[in-house]
N, C-alpha and C. Protein backbone atom coordinates (compact mmCIF):
# COMPACT_ATOMS: atom_id res chain seq x y z
N MET A 1 12.65 -150.34 -72.07
CA MET A 1 12.85 -150.36 -73.69
C MET A 1 12.58 -152.03 -74.16
N ALA A 2 11.58 -152.04 -75.01
CA ALA A 2 10.91 -153.60 -75.59
C ALA A 2 12.09 -154.04 -76.66
N ASP A 3 11.79 -155.22 -77.05
CA ASP A 3 12.43 -155.77 -78.02
C ASP A 3 11.77 -155.29 -79.31
N ALA A 4 12.67 -155.00 -80.35
CA ALA A 4 12.08 -154.54 -81.54
C ALA A 4 11.57 -155.29 -82.55
N THR A 5 11.46 -156.71 -82.39
CA THR A 5 11.17 -157.58 -83.39
C THR A 5 9.77 -157.88 -82.84
N LEU A 6 9.29 -157.62 -81.68
CA LEU A 6 7.93 -157.84 -81.39
C LEU A 6 7.28 -156.69 -81.07
N PRO A 7 5.90 -156.42 -80.86
CA PRO A 7 5.16 -155.40 -80.79
C PRO A 7 5.47 -154.88 -79.30
N ALA A 8 5.50 -153.74 -79.22
CA ALA A 8 6.24 -153.05 -77.89
C ALA A 8 5.04 -153.33 -76.86
N HIS A 9 3.70 -153.25 -77.03
CA HIS A 9 2.95 -153.28 -76.19
C HIS A 9 2.97 -154.61 -75.35
N LEU A 10 3.42 -155.49 -75.71
CA LEU A 10 3.65 -156.91 -75.17
C LEU A 10 4.63 -156.76 -73.85
N PHE A 11 5.46 -155.75 -74.13
CA PHE A 11 6.36 -155.73 -73.10
C PHE A 11 6.22 -154.71 -71.91
N ALA A 12 5.06 -153.82 -72.12
CA ALA A 12 4.57 -152.87 -71.03
C ALA A 12 3.93 -153.45 -70.06
N ARG A 13 4.16 -152.59 -68.55
CA ARG A 13 4.09 -152.96 -67.41
C ARG A 13 3.07 -151.91 -66.84
N VAL A 14 2.59 -152.27 -65.75
CA VAL A 14 1.64 -151.31 -65.02
C VAL A 14 2.43 -150.46 -64.52
N ASP A 15 3.76 -150.93 -63.75
CA ASP A 15 4.55 -149.99 -62.83
C ASP A 15 5.86 -150.11 -63.65
N GLU A 16 6.02 -148.63 -64.36
CA GLU A 16 7.14 -148.62 -65.45
C GLU A 16 8.42 -147.71 -64.47
N ALA A 17 8.18 -147.49 -63.27
CA ALA A 17 9.17 -146.66 -62.43
C ALA A 17 10.74 -147.80 -62.57
N PRO A 18 11.53 -147.41 -62.13
CA PRO A 18 12.80 -148.25 -62.10
C PRO A 18 12.56 -149.20 -61.38
N ASP A 19 13.27 -150.36 -61.99
CA ASP A 19 13.12 -151.44 -61.15
C ASP A 19 13.87 -151.82 -59.69
N ALA A 20 14.81 -150.67 -59.88
CA ALA A 20 15.95 -150.64 -58.60
C ALA A 20 15.05 -150.23 -57.44
N GLU A 21 13.96 -149.24 -57.58
CA GLU A 21 13.06 -148.86 -56.36
C GLU A 21 12.37 -150.07 -55.84
N PHE A 22 11.76 -150.80 -56.95
CA PHE A 22 10.73 -152.05 -56.26
C PHE A 22 11.67 -152.94 -55.79
N TYR A 23 12.92 -153.28 -56.04
CA TYR A 23 13.55 -154.14 -55.44
C TYR A 23 14.61 -153.78 -54.34
N ALA A 24 14.49 -152.65 -54.09
CA ALA A 24 15.50 -151.93 -53.07
C ALA A 24 15.58 -152.65 -51.74
N GLU A 25 14.38 -153.39 -51.28
CA GLU A 25 14.32 -153.77 -49.82
C GLU A 25 14.14 -155.33 -50.07
N PRO A 26 14.91 -156.11 -49.29
CA PRO A 26 14.96 -157.61 -49.64
C PRO A 26 13.74 -158.06 -49.24
N ARG A 27 13.72 -159.46 -49.87
CA ARG A 27 12.71 -160.12 -49.62
C ARG A 27 12.98 -161.47 -49.38
N PHE A 28 13.16 -162.05 -48.33
CA PHE A 28 13.63 -163.27 -48.01
C PHE A 28 12.36 -164.23 -47.97
N VAL A 29 11.77 -164.56 -49.15
CA VAL A 29 10.62 -165.25 -49.29
C VAL A 29 10.90 -166.37 -50.35
N VAL A 30 10.38 -167.50 -50.47
CA VAL A 30 10.13 -168.27 -51.99
C VAL A 30 8.76 -167.88 -52.75
N HIS A 31 8.87 -168.13 -53.77
CA HIS A 31 7.49 -167.59 -54.62
C HIS A 31 6.91 -168.87 -55.16
N ILE A 32 7.28 -169.97 -54.85
CA ILE A 32 6.54 -171.17 -55.35
C ILE A 32 6.54 -172.47 -53.82
N ASP A 33 5.54 -173.35 -54.05
CA ASP A 33 5.58 -174.02 -52.98
C ASP A 33 6.49 -175.10 -52.64
N PRO A 34 6.66 -175.71 -51.63
CA PRO A 34 7.83 -176.75 -51.23
C PRO A 34 8.13 -177.62 -52.14
N GLU A 35 6.65 -178.10 -52.50
CA GLU A 35 6.75 -179.41 -53.61
C GLU A 35 7.15 -178.90 -54.94
N THR A 36 6.74 -177.64 -55.11
CA THR A 36 7.18 -177.02 -56.54
C THR A 36 8.77 -176.98 -56.37
N ILE A 37 9.38 -176.34 -55.41
CA ILE A 37 10.85 -176.19 -55.15
C ILE A 37 11.60 -177.55 -55.38
N ALA A 38 10.85 -178.68 -54.95
CA ALA A 38 11.28 -179.90 -54.75
C ALA A 38 11.43 -180.50 -56.08
N ALA A 39 10.47 -180.32 -57.18
CA ALA A 39 10.13 -180.56 -58.46
C ALA A 39 11.32 -179.73 -59.35
N LEU A 40 11.42 -178.65 -58.94
CA LEU A 40 12.68 -177.78 -59.76
C LEU A 40 14.07 -178.26 -59.62
N SER A 41 14.33 -178.67 -58.07
CA SER A 41 15.29 -178.89 -57.92
C SER A 41 15.84 -180.34 -58.51
N GLY A 42 14.50 -181.48 -58.61
CA GLY A 42 14.79 -182.53 -59.36
C GLY A 42 15.25 -182.28 -60.80
N LEU A 43 14.50 -181.34 -61.36
CA LEU A 43 14.75 -181.12 -62.90
C LEU A 43 16.12 -180.89 -62.99
N TYR A 44 16.79 -179.79 -62.07
CA TYR A 44 18.09 -179.53 -62.05
C TYR A 44 18.95 -180.73 -61.87
N ARG A 45 18.68 -181.70 -61.10
CA ARG A 45 19.23 -182.88 -60.74
C ARG A 45 19.56 -183.68 -62.02
N GLU A 46 18.51 -183.76 -63.08
CA GLU A 46 18.69 -184.31 -64.17
C GLU A 46 19.46 -183.46 -65.26
N GLU A 47 19.10 -182.43 -65.35
CA GLU A 47 20.02 -181.57 -66.08
C GLU A 47 21.19 -181.02 -66.17
N LEU A 48 21.46 -180.87 -65.00
CA LEU A 48 22.95 -180.19 -64.42
C LEU A 48 23.93 -181.16 -64.05
N GLU A 49 25.29 -180.95 -64.91
CA GLU A 49 26.12 -182.01 -64.32
C GLU A 49 27.07 -181.28 -63.31
N SER A 50 27.48 -182.38 -62.35
CA SER A 50 28.64 -181.83 -61.34
C SER A 50 29.74 -181.20 -61.96
N ASN A 51 30.13 -180.42 -61.25
CA ASN A 51 31.26 -179.66 -61.71
C ASN A 51 31.55 -178.75 -62.61
N SER A 52 30.00 -178.51 -63.46
CA SER A 52 29.65 -177.74 -64.27
C SER A 52 29.68 -176.28 -63.70
N ARG A 53 29.68 -175.63 -64.97
CA ARG A 53 29.67 -173.85 -64.31
C ARG A 53 28.28 -173.14 -65.00
N VAL A 54 28.01 -172.78 -63.91
CA VAL A 54 26.15 -172.39 -63.78
C VAL A 54 25.92 -171.07 -63.57
N LEU A 55 25.49 -170.15 -64.06
CA LEU A 55 24.55 -168.88 -64.29
C LEU A 55 23.37 -168.91 -63.67
N ASP A 56 23.09 -168.29 -62.69
CA ASP A 56 21.88 -167.99 -62.16
C ASP A 56 21.36 -166.45 -62.30
N LEU A 57 20.27 -166.34 -63.39
CA LEU A 57 19.71 -164.97 -63.61
C LEU A 57 19.06 -164.84 -62.91
N MET A 58 18.62 -163.53 -62.64
CA MET A 58 17.37 -163.14 -61.91
C MET A 58 17.40 -163.85 -60.34
N SER A 59 18.57 -163.96 -59.90
CA SER A 59 19.02 -165.00 -58.60
C SER A 59 18.38 -164.14 -57.47
N SER A 60 18.17 -164.83 -56.29
CA SER A 60 17.81 -164.32 -55.08
C SER A 60 18.66 -164.81 -53.79
N TRP A 61 17.97 -165.27 -52.81
CA TRP A 61 18.64 -165.70 -51.89
C TRP A 61 18.77 -167.05 -51.64
N VAL A 62 18.15 -167.65 -52.53
CA VAL A 62 18.03 -169.39 -52.92
C VAL A 62 18.08 -169.87 -54.35
N SER A 63 19.00 -170.70 -54.55
CA SER A 63 18.89 -170.98 -56.09
C SER A 63 17.99 -172.15 -56.30
N HIS A 64 17.76 -173.16 -55.30
CA HIS A 64 16.96 -174.16 -55.64
C HIS A 64 17.94 -175.25 -56.40
N LEU A 65 19.08 -175.25 -55.97
CA LEU A 65 20.19 -176.28 -56.62
C LEU A 65 20.08 -177.38 -55.76
N PRO A 66 20.18 -178.76 -56.47
CA PRO A 66 20.27 -179.87 -55.66
C PRO A 66 21.53 -179.69 -54.40
N ALA A 67 21.43 -180.03 -53.30
CA ALA A 67 21.97 -180.12 -52.20
C ALA A 67 23.50 -180.77 -52.38
N GLU A 68 23.43 -181.94 -53.02
CA GLU A 68 24.41 -183.02 -53.20
C GLU A 68 25.43 -182.76 -54.18
N LEU A 69 24.84 -181.79 -55.21
CA LEU A 69 25.19 -181.56 -56.44
C LEU A 69 26.60 -180.47 -56.30
N ALA A 70 27.92 -180.80 -56.55
CA ALA A 70 29.06 -179.55 -56.33
C ALA A 70 29.02 -179.02 -57.81
N PHE A 71 29.40 -177.61 -57.79
CA PHE A 71 29.62 -176.97 -59.09
C PHE A 71 31.15 -176.38 -59.12
N ALA A 72 31.59 -176.33 -60.13
CA ALA A 72 32.74 -175.63 -60.60
C ALA A 72 32.50 -173.97 -60.07
N ARG A 73 31.31 -173.61 -60.46
CA ARG A 73 31.32 -172.21 -60.54
C ARG A 73 29.79 -172.01 -60.42
N VAL A 74 29.38 -171.08 -59.63
CA VAL A 74 27.68 -170.51 -59.49
C VAL A 74 27.73 -169.18 -59.55
N ALA A 75 27.64 -168.31 -60.55
CA ALA A 75 27.61 -167.03 -60.54
C ALA A 75 26.04 -166.75 -60.38
N GLY A 76 25.76 -165.49 -59.73
CA GLY A 76 24.60 -165.09 -59.67
C GLY A 76 24.38 -163.64 -60.20
N LEU A 77 23.32 -163.38 -60.76
CA LEU A 77 22.75 -161.69 -61.14
C LEU A 77 21.59 -161.48 -60.29
N GLY A 78 21.08 -160.57 -59.88
CA GLY A 78 20.10 -160.26 -59.27
C GLY A 78 19.64 -158.75 -59.00
N MET A 79 18.70 -158.63 -58.34
CA MET A 79 18.49 -157.09 -57.93
C MET A 79 18.88 -156.56 -56.64
N ASN A 80 19.09 -157.58 -55.78
CA ASN A 80 19.27 -157.05 -54.22
C ASN A 80 20.32 -157.77 -53.94
N ALA A 81 21.30 -156.81 -53.48
CA ALA A 81 22.46 -157.31 -52.45
C ALA A 81 22.23 -158.16 -51.41
N ALA A 82 21.45 -157.62 -50.76
CA ALA A 82 21.40 -158.31 -49.39
C ALA A 82 20.75 -159.92 -49.71
N GLU A 83 20.00 -160.00 -50.51
CA GLU A 83 19.42 -161.40 -50.97
C GLU A 83 20.74 -162.17 -51.41
N LEU A 84 21.42 -161.64 -52.60
CA LEU A 84 22.45 -162.29 -53.22
C LEU A 84 23.44 -162.61 -52.36
N ALA A 85 23.78 -161.80 -51.37
CA ALA A 85 25.02 -162.10 -50.41
C ALA A 85 24.45 -163.27 -49.54
N ALA A 86 23.30 -163.41 -49.44
CA ALA A 86 22.74 -164.63 -48.38
C ALA A 86 22.77 -165.73 -49.12
N ASN A 87 23.03 -166.05 -50.34
CA ASN A 87 22.42 -167.33 -51.04
C ASN A 87 23.77 -168.19 -50.89
N PRO A 88 23.86 -169.22 -50.02
CA PRO A 88 24.82 -169.89 -49.79
C PRO A 88 25.55 -170.59 -51.06
N ARG A 89 24.89 -170.70 -52.19
CA ARG A 89 25.27 -171.60 -53.66
C ARG A 89 26.24 -170.70 -54.54
N LEU A 90 26.05 -169.37 -54.25
CA LEU A 90 26.73 -168.44 -54.95
C LEU A 90 28.19 -168.39 -54.80
N ASP A 91 29.07 -168.84 -55.66
CA ASP A 91 30.45 -168.26 -55.60
C ASP A 91 30.86 -166.87 -56.00
N ALA A 92 30.03 -166.16 -56.79
CA ALA A 92 30.27 -164.97 -57.13
C ALA A 92 28.86 -163.96 -57.64
N TRP A 93 28.80 -163.16 -57.44
CA TRP A 93 27.44 -162.42 -57.37
C TRP A 93 27.45 -160.93 -57.75
N ALA A 94 26.68 -160.42 -58.73
CA ALA A 94 26.35 -159.22 -58.93
C ALA A 94 25.06 -158.42 -59.20
N VAL A 95 24.95 -157.09 -58.56
CA VAL A 95 23.69 -156.91 -58.82
C VAL A 95 23.48 -156.19 -60.45
N GLN A 96 22.47 -156.61 -60.89
CA GLN A 96 22.24 -156.23 -62.32
C GLN A 96 20.97 -156.20 -63.03
N ASP A 97 20.30 -154.87 -63.37
CA ASP A 97 19.13 -155.00 -63.84
C ASP A 97 19.12 -155.29 -65.44
N LEU A 98 18.74 -156.55 -65.58
CA LEU A 98 18.48 -156.59 -67.18
C LEU A 98 17.68 -156.00 -68.13
N ASN A 99 17.09 -155.55 -67.53
CA ASN A 99 15.80 -154.49 -68.11
C ASN A 99 16.73 -153.19 -68.71
N ALA A 100 17.43 -152.65 -67.64
CA ALA A 100 18.28 -151.47 -67.95
C ALA A 100 19.49 -152.07 -68.98
N GLU A 101 20.12 -153.14 -68.62
CA GLU A 101 21.26 -153.50 -69.06
C GLU A 101 21.72 -155.22 -69.50
N PRO A 102 20.97 -155.41 -70.66
CA PRO A 102 20.86 -156.93 -70.94
C PRO A 102 22.32 -157.64 -71.43
N VAL A 103 23.44 -156.92 -71.27
CA VAL A 103 24.58 -157.24 -71.94
C VAL A 103 25.55 -157.88 -70.38
N LEU A 104 25.66 -159.21 -70.56
CA LEU A 104 26.25 -160.17 -69.53
C LEU A 104 27.61 -160.10 -69.72
N ALA A 105 28.57 -159.63 -68.15
CA ALA A 105 29.76 -159.30 -68.38
C ALA A 105 30.51 -160.76 -68.09
N PHE A 106 30.29 -161.52 -68.94
CA PHE A 106 31.05 -162.78 -68.97
C PHE A 106 31.73 -162.88 -70.12
N ALA A 107 32.61 -163.66 -70.47
CA ALA A 107 33.17 -164.20 -71.44
C ALA A 107 32.58 -164.92 -72.45
N ASP A 108 32.49 -165.05 -73.67
CA ASP A 108 31.86 -166.13 -74.47
C ASP A 108 32.09 -167.37 -74.19
N ALA A 109 31.20 -168.32 -74.14
CA ALA A 109 31.36 -169.80 -73.62
C ALA A 109 31.90 -169.96 -71.98
N SER A 110 31.40 -169.29 -71.30
CA SER A 110 32.21 -169.36 -69.87
C SER A 110 31.25 -170.23 -69.05
N PHE A 111 29.79 -170.59 -69.53
CA PHE A 111 29.13 -171.15 -68.77
C PHE A 111 28.62 -172.60 -69.48
N ASP A 112 28.33 -173.53 -68.72
CA ASP A 112 27.70 -174.80 -69.09
C ASP A 112 26.18 -174.69 -69.20
N ALA A 113 25.47 -173.85 -68.14
CA ALA A 113 24.14 -173.86 -68.24
C ALA A 113 23.61 -172.44 -67.43
N VAL A 114 22.61 -171.74 -68.01
CA VAL A 114 22.13 -170.81 -67.42
C VAL A 114 20.80 -171.09 -67.22
N LEU A 115 20.44 -170.59 -65.77
CA LEU A 115 18.97 -170.85 -65.31
C LEU A 115 18.26 -169.38 -64.86
N CYS A 116 17.08 -169.47 -65.06
CA CYS A 116 16.32 -168.47 -64.93
C CYS A 116 14.93 -169.17 -64.30
N ALA A 117 14.75 -168.97 -62.87
CA ALA A 117 13.59 -169.45 -62.17
C ALA A 117 12.88 -168.62 -61.69
N VAL A 118 11.40 -168.63 -62.22
CA VAL A 118 10.17 -167.91 -62.22
C VAL A 118 10.29 -166.36 -61.88
N SER A 119 11.04 -166.17 -62.96
CA SER A 119 11.31 -164.61 -63.00
C SER A 119 11.04 -164.25 -64.36
N VAL A 120 11.17 -164.98 -65.58
CA VAL A 120 11.22 -164.58 -66.76
C VAL A 120 10.16 -163.82 -67.20
N GLN A 121 9.35 -163.73 -66.32
CA GLN A 121 8.20 -162.94 -66.79
C GLN A 121 8.33 -161.05 -66.82
N TYR A 122 9.28 -160.81 -65.58
CA TYR A 122 9.82 -159.33 -65.54
C TYR A 122 10.62 -158.90 -66.79
N LEU A 123 11.02 -159.72 -67.46
CA LEU A 123 12.00 -159.37 -68.36
C LEU A 123 11.57 -158.61 -69.33
N THR A 124 12.23 -157.27 -69.79
CA THR A 124 11.22 -156.36 -70.64
C THR A 124 12.09 -156.32 -72.22
N ARG A 125 13.19 -157.08 -72.03
CA ARG A 125 14.33 -157.04 -73.07
C ARG A 125 14.73 -158.74 -73.23
N PRO A 126 13.57 -159.71 -73.40
CA PRO A 126 14.14 -160.91 -73.31
C PRO A 126 14.79 -161.52 -74.48
N ILE A 127 14.54 -161.09 -75.76
CA ILE A 127 15.47 -161.51 -77.06
C ILE A 127 16.84 -161.02 -76.60
N GLU A 128 17.16 -160.10 -76.16
CA GLU A 128 18.59 -159.35 -76.20
C GLU A 128 19.18 -160.30 -74.84
N VAL A 129 18.41 -160.43 -74.10
CA VAL A 129 19.17 -161.29 -72.72
C VAL A 129 19.23 -162.79 -73.25
N PHE A 130 18.09 -163.65 -73.98
CA PHE A 130 18.63 -164.75 -74.46
C PHE A 130 19.66 -164.78 -75.31
N ALA A 131 19.74 -163.54 -76.08
CA ALA A 131 21.08 -163.77 -77.02
C ALA A 131 22.26 -163.56 -76.46
N GLU A 132 22.16 -162.95 -75.35
CA GLU A 132 23.57 -162.89 -74.29
C GLU A 132 23.91 -164.33 -73.72
N CYS A 133 22.51 -164.72 -73.23
CA CYS A 133 22.44 -166.26 -72.53
C CYS A 133 23.51 -167.26 -73.70
N ALA A 134 22.93 -166.84 -74.90
CA ALA A 134 23.70 -168.01 -75.92
C ALA A 134 25.05 -167.81 -75.96
N ARG A 135 25.34 -166.41 -76.18
CA ARG A 135 26.90 -166.07 -76.12
C ARG A 135 27.80 -166.72 -75.01
N VAL A 136 27.12 -166.50 -73.83
CA VAL A 136 28.21 -167.07 -72.73
C VAL A 136 27.84 -168.63 -72.12
N LEU A 137 27.01 -169.10 -73.01
CA LEU A 137 26.94 -170.77 -73.04
C LEU A 137 28.26 -171.14 -73.78
N ARG A 138 28.67 -172.29 -73.33
CA ARG A 138 29.69 -173.04 -74.18
C ARG A 138 28.29 -174.10 -75.41
N PRO A 139 29.01 -174.22 -76.26
CA PRO A 139 28.39 -175.14 -77.75
C PRO A 139 27.77 -176.29 -76.70
N GLY A 140 26.34 -176.58 -77.20
CA GLY A 140 25.69 -177.73 -76.15
C GLY A 140 25.40 -176.94 -75.00
N GLY A 141 25.66 -176.18 -74.31
CA GLY A 141 25.13 -175.75 -73.00
C GLY A 141 23.68 -175.44 -72.93
N LYS A 142 23.25 -175.55 -71.81
CA LYS A 142 21.55 -175.30 -71.50
C LYS A 142 21.16 -173.95 -71.09
N LEU A 143 20.15 -173.79 -71.40
CA LEU A 143 19.51 -172.52 -70.81
C LEU A 143 18.09 -173.20 -70.13
N VAL A 144 17.65 -172.84 -68.92
CA VAL A 144 16.83 -173.54 -68.47
C VAL A 144 15.66 -172.71 -67.63
N ILE A 145 14.44 -172.32 -68.25
CA ILE A 145 13.84 -171.45 -67.55
C ILE A 145 12.77 -172.09 -67.17
N ALA A 146 12.25 -171.81 -65.87
CA ALA A 146 11.51 -172.49 -65.07
C ALA A 146 10.21 -171.36 -64.69
N THR A 147 8.93 -171.56 -64.90
CA THR A 147 7.81 -170.62 -64.83
C THR A 147 6.85 -171.25 -63.88
N SER A 148 5.91 -170.54 -63.18
CA SER A 148 4.92 -170.83 -62.61
C SER A 148 3.89 -169.81 -62.84
N HIS A 149 2.93 -169.78 -61.95
CA HIS A 149 1.75 -169.04 -62.17
C HIS A 149 1.67 -167.43 -61.20
N ARG A 150 2.57 -167.44 -60.12
CA ARG A 150 2.62 -166.43 -59.27
C ARG A 150 3.60 -165.43 -59.92
N LEU A 151 3.17 -164.16 -59.65
CA LEU A 151 3.98 -163.03 -59.98
C LEU A 151 3.79 -161.73 -59.23
N PHE A 152 4.61 -161.10 -59.64
CA PHE A 152 4.45 -159.41 -58.79
C PHE A 152 3.57 -158.68 -60.21
N PRO A 153 2.34 -158.31 -60.09
CA PRO A 153 1.40 -158.21 -61.46
C PRO A 153 1.70 -156.98 -62.05
N THR A 154 2.41 -156.06 -60.81
CA THR A 154 2.50 -154.54 -61.74
C THR A 154 4.05 -154.49 -62.40
N LYS A 155 4.77 -155.58 -62.12
CA LYS A 155 6.05 -155.72 -62.80
C LYS A 155 6.29 -156.67 -63.96
N ALA A 156 5.09 -157.59 -64.12
CA ALA A 156 5.19 -158.69 -65.16
C ALA A 156 4.91 -157.86 -66.48
N ILE A 157 5.41 -158.12 -67.35
CA ILE A 157 5.21 -157.77 -68.84
C ILE A 157 3.65 -158.08 -69.30
N ALA A 158 3.20 -157.44 -70.16
CA ALA A 158 1.44 -157.37 -70.67
C ALA A 158 1.55 -158.82 -71.15
N ALA A 159 2.37 -159.22 -71.99
CA ALA A 159 2.46 -160.83 -72.58
C ALA A 159 1.94 -161.54 -71.28
N TRP A 160 2.79 -161.81 -70.57
CA TRP A 160 2.70 -162.51 -69.36
C TRP A 160 1.58 -162.52 -68.81
N ARG A 161 1.02 -161.35 -68.37
CA ARG A 161 -0.37 -161.11 -67.98
C ARG A 161 -1.63 -161.78 -68.46
N SER A 162 -1.30 -161.60 -70.01
CA SER A 162 -2.66 -161.97 -70.57
C SER A 162 -2.70 -163.34 -71.40
N LEU A 163 -1.62 -164.03 -71.39
CA LEU A 163 -1.21 -165.32 -72.24
C LEU A 163 -1.76 -166.31 -70.90
N ALA A 164 -2.33 -167.34 -71.58
CA ALA A 164 -2.44 -168.79 -70.99
C ALA A 164 -1.12 -169.46 -70.75
N PRO A 165 -0.84 -170.35 -69.96
CA PRO A 165 0.65 -170.98 -69.77
C PRO A 165 1.12 -171.55 -70.83
N GLY A 166 0.28 -172.35 -71.76
CA GLY A 166 0.60 -172.77 -72.65
C GLY A 166 1.25 -171.70 -74.02
N ASP A 167 0.63 -170.80 -74.17
CA ASP A 167 0.66 -169.50 -74.87
C ASP A 167 1.94 -168.58 -74.39
N ARG A 168 2.18 -168.72 -73.14
CA ARG A 168 3.37 -167.97 -72.58
C ARG A 168 4.86 -168.87 -72.96
N MET A 169 4.57 -170.24 -73.29
CA MET A 169 5.65 -170.94 -73.86
C MET A 169 6.08 -170.63 -75.03
N HIS A 170 4.76 -170.53 -75.97
CA HIS A 170 5.05 -170.16 -77.60
C HIS A 170 5.51 -168.92 -77.27
N PHE A 171 5.46 -167.94 -76.52
CA PHE A 171 6.03 -166.73 -76.45
C PHE A 171 7.69 -166.68 -76.27
N LEU A 172 7.60 -167.33 -75.24
CA LEU A 172 9.21 -167.82 -74.79
C LEU A 172 9.86 -168.21 -76.14
N ARG A 173 9.26 -169.03 -76.76
CA ARG A 173 9.74 -169.83 -78.03
C ARG A 173 10.09 -168.98 -78.73
N ALA A 174 9.16 -168.05 -79.29
CA ALA A 174 9.62 -166.93 -80.29
C ALA A 174 10.40 -165.90 -79.83
N CYS A 175 10.72 -165.56 -78.77
CA CYS A 175 11.95 -164.85 -78.05
C CYS A 175 13.13 -165.51 -78.44
N LEU A 176 13.17 -166.84 -78.03
CA LEU A 176 14.53 -167.71 -78.06
C LEU A 176 14.85 -167.45 -79.76
N GLU A 177 13.80 -167.81 -80.90
CA GLU A 177 14.14 -168.02 -81.87
C GLU A 177 14.62 -166.56 -82.72
N ARG A 178 13.94 -165.74 -82.18
CA ARG A 178 14.52 -164.28 -82.51
C ARG A 178 15.86 -163.89 -81.99
N ALA A 179 16.13 -164.49 -80.83
CA ALA A 179 17.48 -164.15 -80.05
C ALA A 179 18.58 -165.14 -81.01
N GLY A 180 18.26 -166.13 -81.43
CA GLY A 180 19.18 -167.03 -82.17
C GLY A 180 20.19 -167.68 -81.44
N GLY A 181 20.84 -168.65 -81.96
CA GLY A 181 21.90 -169.55 -81.16
C GLY A 181 21.39 -170.83 -80.46
N PHE A 182 20.13 -170.97 -80.79
CA PHE A 182 19.60 -172.25 -79.84
C PHE A 182 19.10 -173.42 -80.54
N ASP A 183 19.24 -174.64 -80.27
CA ASP A 183 18.83 -175.61 -80.84
C ASP A 183 17.20 -175.37 -80.59
N GLU A 184 16.27 -176.21 -81.50
CA GLU A 184 14.96 -176.39 -80.85
C GLU A 184 14.85 -176.71 -79.51
N PRO A 185 13.95 -175.78 -78.58
CA PRO A 185 13.84 -175.81 -77.15
C PRO A 185 12.75 -177.25 -77.06
N ARG A 186 12.83 -177.51 -75.88
CA ARG A 186 11.61 -178.70 -75.29
C ARG A 186 10.96 -177.92 -74.14
N VAL A 187 9.53 -178.40 -74.28
CA VAL A 187 8.92 -177.59 -72.93
C VAL A 187 8.30 -179.11 -72.36
N GLU A 188 8.32 -178.65 -70.65
CA GLU A 188 7.97 -179.91 -70.01
C GLU A 188 7.04 -179.19 -68.88
N ASP A 189 5.87 -179.98 -68.63
CA ASP A 189 5.08 -179.66 -67.32
C ASP A 189 5.72 -180.56 -66.04
N ARG A 190 6.44 -179.95 -65.06
CA ARG A 190 6.93 -180.51 -64.16
C ARG A 190 5.87 -180.31 -63.10
N SER A 191 4.89 -180.31 -62.86
CA SER A 191 3.91 -179.90 -61.98
C SER A 191 3.74 -180.95 -61.10
N PRO A 192 3.89 -180.75 -59.60
CA PRO A 192 3.55 -181.55 -58.91
C PRO A 192 2.06 -181.67 -58.74
N PRO A 193 1.52 -182.77 -58.02
CA PRO A 193 -0.04 -182.57 -57.48
C PRO A 193 -0.20 -181.80 -56.35
N PHE A 194 -1.41 -180.98 -56.49
CA PHE A 194 -1.62 -180.14 -55.51
C PHE A 194 -0.90 -179.15 -54.83
N ALA A 195 0.06 -178.68 -55.94
CA ALA A 195 0.99 -177.42 -55.36
C ALA A 195 1.09 -176.54 -56.84
N ASP A 196 1.72 -175.49 -56.37
CA ASP A 196 2.02 -174.56 -57.58
C ASP A 196 2.47 -175.12 -59.13
N PRO A 197 1.68 -175.02 -60.02
CA PRO A 197 2.55 -175.69 -61.31
C PRO A 197 4.10 -175.54 -61.60
N LEU A 198 4.33 -176.09 -62.73
CA LEU A 198 5.65 -176.01 -62.71
C LEU A 198 6.10 -176.19 -64.41
N TRP A 199 6.12 -175.17 -65.18
CA TRP A 199 6.52 -175.34 -66.85
C TRP A 199 7.96 -175.00 -66.79
N VAL A 200 8.28 -175.95 -67.68
CA VAL A 200 9.81 -175.34 -67.95
C VAL A 200 10.22 -175.72 -69.50
N LEU A 201 10.91 -174.55 -69.81
CA LEU A 201 11.54 -174.57 -71.37
C LEU A 201 12.98 -174.84 -70.96
N ILE A 202 13.71 -176.13 -71.86
CA ILE A 202 15.01 -175.95 -71.85
C ILE A 202 15.46 -175.93 -73.50
N ALA A 203 16.77 -175.25 -73.66
CA ALA A 203 17.17 -175.03 -75.06
C ALA A 203 18.49 -175.08 -74.99
N ALA A 204 19.23 -175.78 -76.06
CA ALA A 204 20.63 -176.03 -75.80
C ALA A 204 21.05 -175.20 -76.91
N ARG A 205 22.21 -174.75 -76.29
CA ARG A 205 23.11 -173.63 -77.39
C ARG A 205 23.73 -174.46 -78.54
N SER A 206 23.35 -173.92 -79.74
CA SER A 206 23.63 -174.42 -80.82
C SER A 206 24.98 -174.84 -81.23
N CYS A 207 25.66 -175.91 -81.58
CA CYS A 207 26.99 -176.38 -81.65
C CYS A 207 27.67 -175.77 -82.94
C-alpha cells in the first residue's frame, strides 16, 4: 500500500511478495563498511543523550549505538526474531512489518529518539510511519534517519532506486512534511573517506 499523497509508482517494488518471506532467514551481516559504522556511531554520540529512551526502527542484530552510552530504554522493531534476539542493546523487541502495519504499539511521547539506520529505502508507507514516529516522540525528540548506497534492489522502493542521493533526501523531506509534526529537518553528509557514504536526515518533533 503506497502513501496516497504521493504518486503510487514511487513506492512500487520489483518484488511485491510479502516481506515476511524475504526476511524469514536471519542475516547476521552488516550493510555498511566499518568506517561508516564508526561514523554513524559518532553521529549517535553527538545526537543522543545518556539515559534517554530510544526506539530503533527496522532494527537487526546490531544497532550501532556507542558502547559507552547507557540508555533508559532501547526498544527495537524489525523483521527477523533471531536477529533482534541477538542484539545486545535492545531491552525489548518485537517483529513488525511496517509496510503491512505502520502503527507503532507505543504510547504518545514515550521516546526521546527514533532511529532508522540504512533501511528507510524499504518503507512503502513512509508518511504513515513518520507520522507515527512524531506521535511516539516527546516534543523536541529526534528522528534520525541514516542512509547509504547499498540496498536489496528487489525490495527497495522505486523512488530510492531511481533518485540520486541528494534527491533521496528531498524525497524524505517531502514525506516528513506530509507526515506532519516535525520542525524543519537538517541533512548532513557524514561520509568517511574511502568507505561507504553516509547521509543523514535529522528532524525534531515539533514542540
